[in-house]
Amino acid sequence: MDDTADTRWKTDPEAPDAAEQAAGGGGADELDRRVAAAAMRLAAGQGWRNTGLLAIARAAGVPPGAFYRRFPSRSDVLAAVSRVADTAVLADEAPVSPDESARDRLFDVMMRRYDALLPYRDGLRSVVRDLRREPLTALAFSRHFGRSMAWMLRAAGVEADRTGGALFVAGLGAVQARVMRVFLEDDSADLSRTMAALDSELRRAERWAGALRRRSGRASPTDSPPPPQGTGEAAGEPGSASAG
């Protein structure tokens, strides 16, 4: 998509007056929500590759200067979708239960994330399809995606900053990449297919982590990383390149 092809600035008449809000009145989270919703709505209707930054800014009602400061590239727009989902998960300040396994905690965290991504699913299908033709956007988004997965681990009480944390992050990214494909096509009312796929992938991850610990002679009964294979798909989401 050549964003320079869209050279005329015209605010969508149906969009809210966002000049004051984009300057800070609505807050960064609100700006993320509006831009994410506009981007995914346009992507669902006309395809991600045909959706330019100016079109997204107009649909969100954000002046170009304010839009540029927070979303200078297409990967930053995809990062906004991830941030909206991550923020929804992290807003739950309930303490981590020590009685639950890391797998159970990760299951709960990731299902809450899929719930938050549900309103954007039609747009995400287009992103997954079209992002394969945008390798630079996918590469740029991968940094945001890794940060997102690290925070999902933290939300589940798994420390992503310790030695070996990068494997945890890569592993959860691999799980996300595989489950995202199911989520995008899951037409069940309760996302039962997504739940089944996530449970299966996390159980497989737990077995892998147990085997790795036994081989290395280390014991870590609760913090089990997902398997770190398959992370080449992680740049799509917004969640993964089966995506985010």
C-alpha atoms as a PDB file:
ATOM      1  CA  MET A   1       0.000   0.000   0.000  1.00  0.00           C
ATOM      2  CA  ASP A   2       1.444   3.369  -1.035  1.00  0.00           C
ATOM      3  CA  ASP A   3       0.337   5.795   1.636  1.00  0.00           C
ATOM      4  CA  THR A   4       1.609   8.743  -0.412  1.00  0.00           C
ATOM      5  CA  ALA A   5      -1.080   8.082  -3.010  1.00  0.00           C
ATOM      6  CA  ASP A   6      -3.687   9.482  -0.616  1.00  0.00           C
ATOM      7  CA  THR A   7      -2.675  13.144  -0.645  1.00  0.00           C
ATOM      8  CA  ARG A   8      -5.895  14.971   0.203  1.00  0.00           C
ATOM      9  CA  TRP A   9      -6.788  15.627   3.809  1.00  0.00           C
ATOM     10  CA  LYS A  10     -10.467  15.604   4.585  1.00  0.00           C
ATOM     11  CA  THR A  11     -11.914  14.782   7.971  1.00  0.00           C
ATOM     12  CA  ASP A  12     -14.661  12.187   7.929  1.00  0.00           C
ATOM     13  CA  PRO A  13     -17.856  14.187   8.642  1.00  0.00           C
ATOM     14  CA  GLU A  14     -19.232  11.311  10.698  1.00  0.00           C
ATOM     15  CA  ALA A  15     -16.116  11.025  12.844  1.00  0.00           C
ATOM     16  CA  PRO A  16     -16.035  12.800  16.206  1.00  0.00           C
ATOM     17  CA  ASP A  17     -14.221  16.122  16.480  1.00  0.00           C
ATOM     18  CA  ALA A  18     -10.870  14.748  17.598  1.00  0.00           C
ATOM     19  CA  ALA A  19      -8.539  17.736  17.451  1.00  0.00           C
ATOM     20  CA  GLU A  20      -8.832  18.471  21.152  1.00  0.00           C
ATOM     21  CA  GLN A  21      -8.913  14.808  22.185  1.00  0.00           C
ATOM     22  CA  ALA A  22      -5.930  13.866  20.020  1.00  0.00           C
ATOM     23  CA  ALA A  23      -3.963  16.616  21.716  1.00  0.00           C
ATOM     24  CA  GLY A  24      -4.362  14.794  25.000  1.00  0.00           C
ATOM     25  CA  GLY A  25      -7.922  15.288  26.216  1.00  0.00           C
ATOM     26  CA  GLY A  26      -8.968  11.750  25.348  1.00  0.00           C
ATOM     27  CA  GLY A  27      -5.759  10.096  26.509  1.00  0.00           C
ATOM     28  CA  ALA A  28      -3.408   7.719  24.719  1.00  0.00           C
ATOM     29  CA  ASP A  29      -5.562   4.659  25.435  1.00  0.00           C
ATOM     30  CA  GLU A  30      -8.619   6.275  23.869  1.00  0.00           C
ATOM     31  CA  LEU A  31      -6.570   7.304  20.842  1.00  0.00           C
ATOM     32  CA  ASP A  32      -5.341   3.725  20.457  1.00  0.00           C
ATOM     33  CA  ARG A  33      -8.902   2.401  20.652  1.00  0.00           C
ATOM     34  CA  ARG A  34     -10.209   4.801  18.020  1.00  0.00           C
ATOM     35  CA  VAL A  35      -7.343   4.214  15.611  1.00  0.00           C
ATOM     36  CA  ALA A  36      -7.452   0.427  16.097  1.00  0.00           C
ATOM     37  CA  ALA A  37     -11.207   0.351  15.479  1.00  0.00           C
ATOM     38  CA  ALA A  38     -10.936   2.554  12.385  1.00  0.00           C
ATOM     39  CA  ALA A  39      -8.022   0.580  10.932  1.00  0.00           C
ATOM     40  CA  MET A  40      -9.650  -2.804  11.408  1.00  0.00           C
ATOM     41  CA  ARG A  41     -12.994  -1.554  10.085  1.00  0.00           C
ATOM     42  CA  LEU A  42     -11.323  -0.293   6.908  1.00  0.00           C
ATOM     43  CA  ALA A  43      -9.198  -3.433   6.564  1.00  0.00           C
ATOM     44  CA  ALA A  44     -12.303  -5.601   6.846  1.00  0.00           C
ATOM     45  CA  GLY A  45     -14.072  -3.620   4.144  1.00  0.00           C
ATOM     46  CA  GLN A  46     -11.345  -2.972   1.590  1.00  0.00           C
ATOM     47  CA  GLY A  47      -8.353  -5.070   2.603  1.00  0.00           C
ATOM     48  CA  TRP A  48      -5.356  -4.143   4.719  1.00  0.00           C
ATOM     49  CA  ARG A  49      -3.111  -3.557   1.696  1.00  0.00           C
ATOM     50  CA  ASN A  50      -5.595  -0.971   0.385  1.00  0.00           C
ATOM     51  CA  THR A  51      -5.833   0.874   3.695  1.00  0.00           C
ATOM     52  CA  GLY A  52      -3.550   3.891   3.978  1.00  0.00           C
ATOM     53  CA  LEU A  53      -2.548   5.870   7.019  1.00  0.00           C
ATOM     54  CA  LEU A  54      -4.423   9.009   5.955  1.00  0.00           C
ATOM     55  CA  ALA A  55      -7.594   6.990   5.452  1.00  0.00           C
ATOM     56  CA  ILE A  56      -7.212   5.537   8.946  1.00  0.00           C
ATOM     57  CA  ALA A  57      -6.600   8.981  10.432  1.00  0.00           C
ATOM     58  CA  ARG A  58      -9.695  10.379   8.708  1.00  0.00           C
ATOM     59  CA  ALA A  59     -11.876   7.475   9.791  1.00  0.00           C
ATOM     60  CA  ALA A  60     -10.662   7.860  13.372  1.00  0.00           C
ATOM     61  CA  GLY A  61     -11.156  11.631  13.268  1.00  0.00           C
ATOM     62  CA  VAL A  62      -7.542  12.338  14.168  1.00  0.00           C
ATOM     63  CA  PRO A  63      -5.682  15.283  12.561  1.00  0.00           C
ATOM     64  CA  PRO A  64      -2.628  14.149  10.585  1.00  0.00           C
ATOM     65  CA  GLY A  65      -0.130  15.862  12.859  1.00  0.00           C
ATOM     66  CA  ALA A  66      -1.492  14.176  15.969  1.00  0.00           C
ATOM     67  CA  PHE A  67      -1.767  10.865  14.104  1.00  0.00           C
ATOM     68  CA  TYR A  68       1.849  11.055  12.938  1.00  0.00           C
ATOM     69  CA  ARG A  69       3.185  11.617  16.434  1.00  0.00           C
ATOM     70  CA  ARG A  70       1.806   8.284  17.657  1.00  0.00           C
ATOM     71  CA  PHE A  71       1.334   6.232  14.468  1.00  0.00           C
ATOM     72  CA  PRO A  72       4.078   7.183  11.984  1.00  0.00           C
ATOM     73  CA  SER A  73       4.015   3.797  10.222  1.00  0.00           C
ATOM     74  CA  ARG A  74       1.649   0.933   9.458  1.00  0.00           C
ATOM     75  CA  SER A  75       3.346  -1.254  12.050  1.00  0.00           C
ATOM     76  CA  ASP A  76       2.471   1.365  14.682  1.00  0.00           C
ATOM     77  CA  VAL A  77      -1.203   1.044  13.749  1.00  0.00           C
ATOM     78  CA  LEU A  78      -0.999  -2.726  14.195  1.00  0.00           C
ATOM     79  CA  ALA A  79       0.771  -2.148  17.494  1.00  0.00           C
ATOM     80  CA  ALA A  80      -2.229  -0.073  18.603  1.00  0.00           C
ATOM     81  CA  VAL A  81      -4.493  -3.084  18.085  1.00  0.00           C
ATOM     82  CA  SER A  82      -2.175  -5.177  20.244  1.00  0.00           C
ATOM     83  CA  ARG A  83      -2.011  -2.479  22.917  1.00  0.00           C
ATOM     84  CA  VAL A  84      -5.797  -2.294  23.126  1.00  0.00           C
ATOM     85  CA  ALA A  85      -5.969  -6.050  23.750  1.00  0.00           C
ATOM     86  CA  ASP A  86      -3.023  -6.034  26.152  1.00  0.00           C
ATOM     87  CA  THR A  87      -4.432  -3.122  28.139  1.00  0.00           C
ATOM     88  CA  ALA A  88      -7.752  -4.922  28.505  1.00  0.00           C
ATOM     89  CA  VAL A  89      -5.950  -7.944  29.957  1.00  0.00           C
ATOM     90  CA  LEU A  90      -3.708  -5.913  32.252  1.00  0.00           C
ATOM     91  CA  ALA A  91      -6.665  -3.901  33.565  1.00  0.00           C
ATOM     92  CA  ASP A  92      -7.611  -6.966  35.616  1.00  0.00           C
ATOM     93  CA  GLU A  93      -5.655  -6.355  38.793  1.00  0.00           C
ATOM     94  CA  ALA A  94      -6.708  -9.554  40.534  1.00  0.00           C
ATOM     95  CA  PRO A  95      -3.676 -11.155  42.225  1.00  0.00           C
ATOM     96  CA  VAL A  96      -2.135 -14.203  40.614  1.00  0.00           C
ATOM     97  CA  SER A  97      -3.305 -17.352  42.377  1.00  0.00           C
ATOM     98  CA  PRO A  98      -0.398 -19.475  43.654  1.00  0.00           C
ATOM     99  CA  ASP A  99      -2.663 -22.519  43.492  1.00  0.00           C
ATOM    100  CA  GLU A 100      -2.933 -22.378  39.705  1.00  0.00           C
ATOM    101  CA  SER A 101      -0.308 -23.727  37.351  1.00  0.00           C
ATOM    102  CA  ALA A 102       1.449 -21.440  34.889  1.00  0.00           C
ATOM    103  CA  ARG A 103      -0.439 -23.203  32.110  1.00  0.00           C
ATOM    104  CA  ASP A 104      -3.827 -22.429  33.679  1.00  0.00           C
ATOM    105  CA  ARG A 105      -2.861 -18.825  34.284  1.00  0.00           C
ATOM    106  CA  LEU A 106      -1.628 -18.396  30.721  1.00  0.00           C
ATOM    107  CA  PHE A 107      -4.816 -19.967  29.411  1.00  0.00           C
ATOM    108  CA  ASP A 108      -6.908 -17.406  31.282  1.00  0.00           C
ATOM    109  CA  VAL A 109      -4.725 -14.493  30.176  1.00  0.00           C
ATOM    110  CA  MET A 110      -4.655 -15.463  26.509  1.00  0.00           C
ATOM    111  CA  MET A 111      -8.400 -16.139  26.348  1.00  0.00           C
ATOM    112  CA  ARG A 112      -9.035 -12.683  27.778  1.00  0.00           C
ATOM    113  CA  ARG A 113      -6.779 -11.328  25.071  1.00  0.00           C
ATOM    114  CA  TYR A 114      -8.730 -13.154  22.360  1.00  0.00           C
ATOM    115  CA  ASP A 115     -11.953 -11.761  23.822  1.00  0.00           C
ATOM    116  CA  ALA A 116     -10.480  -8.268  23.507  1.00  0.00           C
ATOM    117  CA  LEU A 117      -9.460  -8.931  19.881  1.00  0.00           C
ATOM    118  CA  LEU A 118     -12.894 -10.264  18.913  1.00  0.00           C
ATOM    119  CA  PRO A 119     -14.288  -6.896  17.697  1.00  0.00           C
ATOM    120  CA  TYR A 120     -11.334  -6.626  15.298  1.00  0.00           C
ATOM    121  CA  ARG A 121     -11.427 -10.157  13.945  1.00  0.00           C
ATOM    122  CA  ASP A 122     -12.740  -9.347  10.450  1.00  0.00           C
ATOM    123  CA  GLY A 123      -9.988  -6.791   9.974  1.00  0.00           C
ATOM    124  CA  LEU A 124      -7.362  -9.129  11.386  1.00  0.00           C
ATOM    125  CA  ARG A 125      -8.231 -11.733   8.766  1.00  0.00           C
ATOM    126  CA  SER A 126      -7.291  -9.210   6.106  1.00  0.00           C
ATOM    127  CA  VAL A 127      -4.106  -8.261   7.966  1.00  0.00           C
ATOM    128  CA  VAL A 128      -3.006 -11.898   8.116  1.00  0.00           C
ATOM    129  CA  ARG A 129      -3.653 -12.349   4.426  1.00  0.00           C
ATOM    130  CA  ASP A 130      -2.038  -9.119   3.232  1.00  0.00           C
ATOM    131  CA  LEU A 131       0.858  -8.780   5.658  1.00  0.00           C
ATOM    132  CA  ARG A 132       2.712 -11.553   3.852  1.00  0.00           C
ATOM    133  CA  ARG A 133       3.258  -8.996   1.086  1.00  0.00           C
ATOM    134  CA  GLU A 134       4.591  -6.415   3.537  1.00  0.00           C
ATOM    135  CA  PRO A 135       7.718  -8.006   5.018  1.00  0.00           C
ATOM    136  CA  LEU A 136       9.107  -4.709   6.306  1.00  0.00           C
ATOM    137  CA  THR A 137       5.870  -3.906   8.142  1.00  0.00           C
ATOM    138  CA  ALA A 138       5.818  -7.426   9.567  1.00  0.00           C
ATOM    139  CA  LEU A 139       9.436  -7.119  10.688  1.00  0.00           C
ATOM    140  CA  ALA A 140       8.803  -3.749  12.330  1.00  0.00           C
ATOM    141  CA  PHE A 141       5.721  -5.092  14.101  1.00  0.00           C
ATOM    142  CA  SER A 142       7.608  -8.101  15.485  1.00  0.00           C
ATOM    143  CA  ARG A 143       9.249  -5.880  18.106  1.00  0.00           C
ATOM    144  CA  HIS A 144       5.835  -4.743  19.351  1.00  0.00           C
ATOM    145  CA  PHE A 145       4.569  -8.313  19.254  1.00  0.00           C
ATOM    146  CA  GLY A 146       7.422  -9.598  21.404  1.00  0.00           C
ATOM    147  CA  ARG A 147       6.776  -6.865  23.953  1.00  0.00           C
ATOM    148  CA  SER A 148       3.100  -7.820  23.991  1.00  0.00           C
ATOM    149  CA  MET A 149       3.835 -11.486  24.627  1.00  0.00           C
ATOM    150  CA  ALA A 150       6.244 -10.559  27.433  1.00  0.00           C
ATOM    151  CA  TRP A 151       3.495  -8.610  29.183  1.00  0.00           C
ATOM    152  CA  MET A 152       1.037 -11.471  28.775  1.00  0.00           C
ATOM    153  CA  LEU A 153       3.556 -13.704  30.550  1.00  0.00           C
ATOM    154  CA  ARG A 154       3.858 -11.139  33.345  1.00  0.00           C
ATOM    155  CA  ALA A 155       0.070 -10.942  33.602  1.00  0.00           C
ATOM    156  CA  ALA A 156       0.119 -14.699  34.223  1.00  0.00           C
ATOM    157  CA  GLY A 157       2.779 -14.364  36.904  1.00  0.00           C
ATOM    158  CA  VAL A 158       5.604 -15.684  34.722  1.00  0.00           C
ATOM    159  CA  GLU A 159       8.657 -13.423  34.912  1.00  0.00           C
ATOM    160  CA  ALA A 160       9.814 -12.587  31.404  1.00  0.00           C
ATOM    161  CA  ASP A 161      12.871 -10.591  32.483  1.00  0.00           C
ATOM    162  CA  ARG A 162      14.915 -13.340  34.103  1.00  0.00           C
ATOM    163  CA  THR A 163      17.556 -15.464  32.410  1.00  0.00           C
ATOM    164  CA  GLY A 164      15.855 -17.479  29.690  1.00  0.00           C
ATOM    165  CA  GLY A 165      12.910 -15.105  29.521  1.00  0.00           C
ATOM    166  CA  ALA A 166      13.436 -14.561  25.805  1.00  0.00           C
ATOM    167  CA  LEU A 167      12.650 -18.250  25.267  1.00  0.00           C
ATOM    168  CA  PHE A 168       9.431 -17.826  27.206  1.00  0.00           C
ATOM    169  CA  VAL A 169       8.459 -14.874  25.016  1.00  0.00           C
ATOM    170  CA  ALA A 170       9.348 -16.685  21.790  1.00  0.00           C
ATOM    171  CA  GLY A 171       7.494 -19.761  22.954  1.00  0.00           C
ATOM    172  CA  LEU A 172       4.303 -17.898  23.768  1.00  0.00           C
ATOM    173  CA  GLY A 173       4.594 -16.159  20.408  1.00  0.00           C
ATOM    174  CA  ALA A 174       4.681 -19.565  18.719  1.00  0.00           C
ATOM    175  CA  VAL A 175       1.589 -20.666  20.645  1.00  0.00           C
ATOM    176  CA  GLN A 176      -0.160 -17.431  19.697  1.00  0.00           C
ATOM    177  CA  ALA A 177       0.713 -17.866  16.021  1.00  0.00           C
ATOM    178  CA  ARG A 178      -0.882 -21.314  15.887  1.00  0.00           C
ATOM    179  CA  VAL A 179      -3.954 -20.534  17.972  1.00  0.00           C
ATOM    180  CA  MET A 180      -4.592 -17.260  16.133  1.00  0.00           C
ATOM    181  CA  ARG A 181      -5.333 -19.204  12.955  1.00  0.00           C
ATOM    182  CA  VAL A 182      -8.092 -21.053  14.794  1.00  0.00           C
ATOM    183  CA  PHE A 183      -9.423 -17.889  16.446  1.00  0.00           C
ATOM    184  CA  LEU A 184      -9.810 -16.101  13.112  1.00  0.00           C
ATOM    185  CA  GLU A 185     -12.107 -18.844  11.816  1.00  0.00           C
ATOM    186  CA  ASP A 186     -13.852 -19.757  15.088  1.00  0.00           C
ATOM    187  CA  ASP A 187     -17.575 -19.132  14.597  1.00  0.00           C
ATOM    188  CA  SER A 188     -18.632 -20.742  17.889  1.00  0.00           C
ATOM    189  CA  ALA A 189     -20.548 -18.497  20.275  1.00  0.00           C
ATOM    190  CA  ASP A 190     -18.170 -19.180  23.165  1.00  0.00           C
ATOM    191  CA  LEU A 191     -14.908 -19.468  21.186  1.00  0.00           C
ATOM    192  CA  SER A 192     -14.827 -23.149  22.116  1.00  0.00           C
ATOM    193  CA  ARG A 193     -12.578 -24.060  19.187  1.00  0.00           C
ATOM    194  CA  THR A 194     -10.117 -21.373  20.217  1.00  0.00           C
ATOM    195  CA  MET A 195     -10.180 -22.590  23.819  1.00  0.00           C
ATOM    196  CA  ALA A 196      -9.540 -26.164  22.723  1.00  0.00           C
ATOM    197  CA  ALA A 197      -6.636 -25.134  20.487  1.00  0.00           C
ATOM    198  CA  LEU A 198      -5.087 -22.950  23.189  1.00  0.00           C
ATOM    199  CA  ASP A 199      -5.397 -25.685  25.800  1.00  0.00           C
ATOM    200  CA  SER A 200      -3.778 -28.203  23.453  1.00  0.00           C
ATOM    201  CA  GLU A 201      -0.892 -25.878  22.566  1.00  0.00           C
ATOM    202  CA  LEU A 202      -0.219 -24.927  26.184  1.00  0.00           C
ATOM    203  CA  ARG A 203      -0.239 -28.584  27.263  1.00  0.00           C
ATOM    204  CA  ARG A 204       2.242 -29.366  24.538  1.00  0.00           C
ATOM    205  CA  ALA A 205       4.331 -26.418  25.714  1.00  0.00           C
ATOM    206  CA  GLU A 206       4.224 -27.709  29.270  1.00  0.00           C
ATOM    207  CA  ARG A 207       5.480 -31.119  28.164  1.00  0.00           C
ATOM    208  CA  TRP A 208       8.267 -29.510  26.159  1.00  0.00           C
ATOM    209  CA  ALA A 209       9.283 -27.329  29.094  1.00  0.00           C
ATOM    210  CA  GLY A 210       9.322 -30.317  31.435  1.00  0.00           C
ATOM    211  CA  ALA A 211      11.557 -32.257  29.077  1.00  0.00           C
ATOM    212  CA  LEU A 212      13.894 -29.283  28.763  1.00  0.00           C
ATOM    213  CA  ARG A 213      14.145 -28.894  32.545  1.00  0.00           C
ATOM    214  CA  ARG A 214      14.921 -32.576  33.009  1.00  0.00           C
ATOM    215  CA  ARG A 215      17.606 -32.410  30.357  1.00  0.00           C
ATOM    216  CA  SER A 216      19.194 -29.326  31.894  1.00  0.00           C
ATOM    217  CA  GLY A 217      18.814 -30.561  35.469  1.00  0.00           C
ATOM    218  CA  ARG A 218      16.889 -27.454  36.546  1.00  0.00           C
ATOM    219  CA  ALA A 219      13.659 -27.429  38.515  1.00  0.00           C
ATOM    220  CA  SER A 220      10.948 -24.835  37.901  1.00  0.00           C
ATOM    221  CA  PRO A 221       7.600 -26.425  38.692  1.00  0.00           C
ATOM    222  CA  THR A 222       5.318 -23.489  37.932  1.00  0.00           C
ATOM    223  CA  ASP A 223       6.924 -21.288  35.299  1.00  0.00           C
ATOM    224  CA  SER A 224       6.779 -23.424  32.177  1.00  0.00           C
ATOM    225  CA  PRO A 225       7.643 -21.662  28.922  1.00  0.00           C
ATOM    226  CA  PRO A 226       5.840 -22.533  25.714  1.00  0.00           C
ATOM    227  CA  PRO A 227       7.959 -24.163  23.000  1.00  0.00           C
ATOM    228  CA  PRO A 228      10.189 -21.702  21.155  1.00  0.00           C
ATOM    229  CA  GLN A 229       9.722 -23.210  17.711  1.00  0.00           C
ATOM    230  CA  GLY A 230       7.627 -21.660  14.973  1.00  0.00           C
ATOM    231  CA  THR A 231       8.165 -18.049  15.971  1.00  0.00           C
ATOM    232  CA  GLY A 232       8.826 -16.976  12.416  1.00  0.00           C
ATOM    233  CA  GLU A 233       5.083 -16.436  12.164  1.00  0.00           C
ATOM    234  CA  ALA A 234       4.968 -14.086  15.085  1.00  0.00           C
ATOM    235  CA  ALA A 235       5.124 -10.864  13.133  1.00  0.00           C
ATOM    236  CA  GLY A 236       1.573 -10.862  11.963  1.00  0.00           C
ATOM    237  CA  GLU A 237      -1.112 -10.669  14.522  1.00  0.00           C
ATOM    238  CA  PRO A 238      -1.676  -8.256  15.749  1.00  0.00           C
ATOM    239  CA  GLY A 239      -1.052 -11.171  17.500  1.00  0.00           C
ATOM    240  CA  SER A 240       0.990 -13.109  15.031  1.00  0.00           C
ATOM    241  CA  ALA A 241       1.564 -13.569  11.359  1.00  0.00           C
ATOM    242  CA  SER A 242      -1.255 -15.780  11.491  1.00  0.00           C
ATOM    243  CA  ALA A 243      -2.515 -12.414  12.514  1.00  0.00           C
ATOM    244  CA  GLY A 244      -2.636  -9.157  16.425  1.00  0.00           C
END
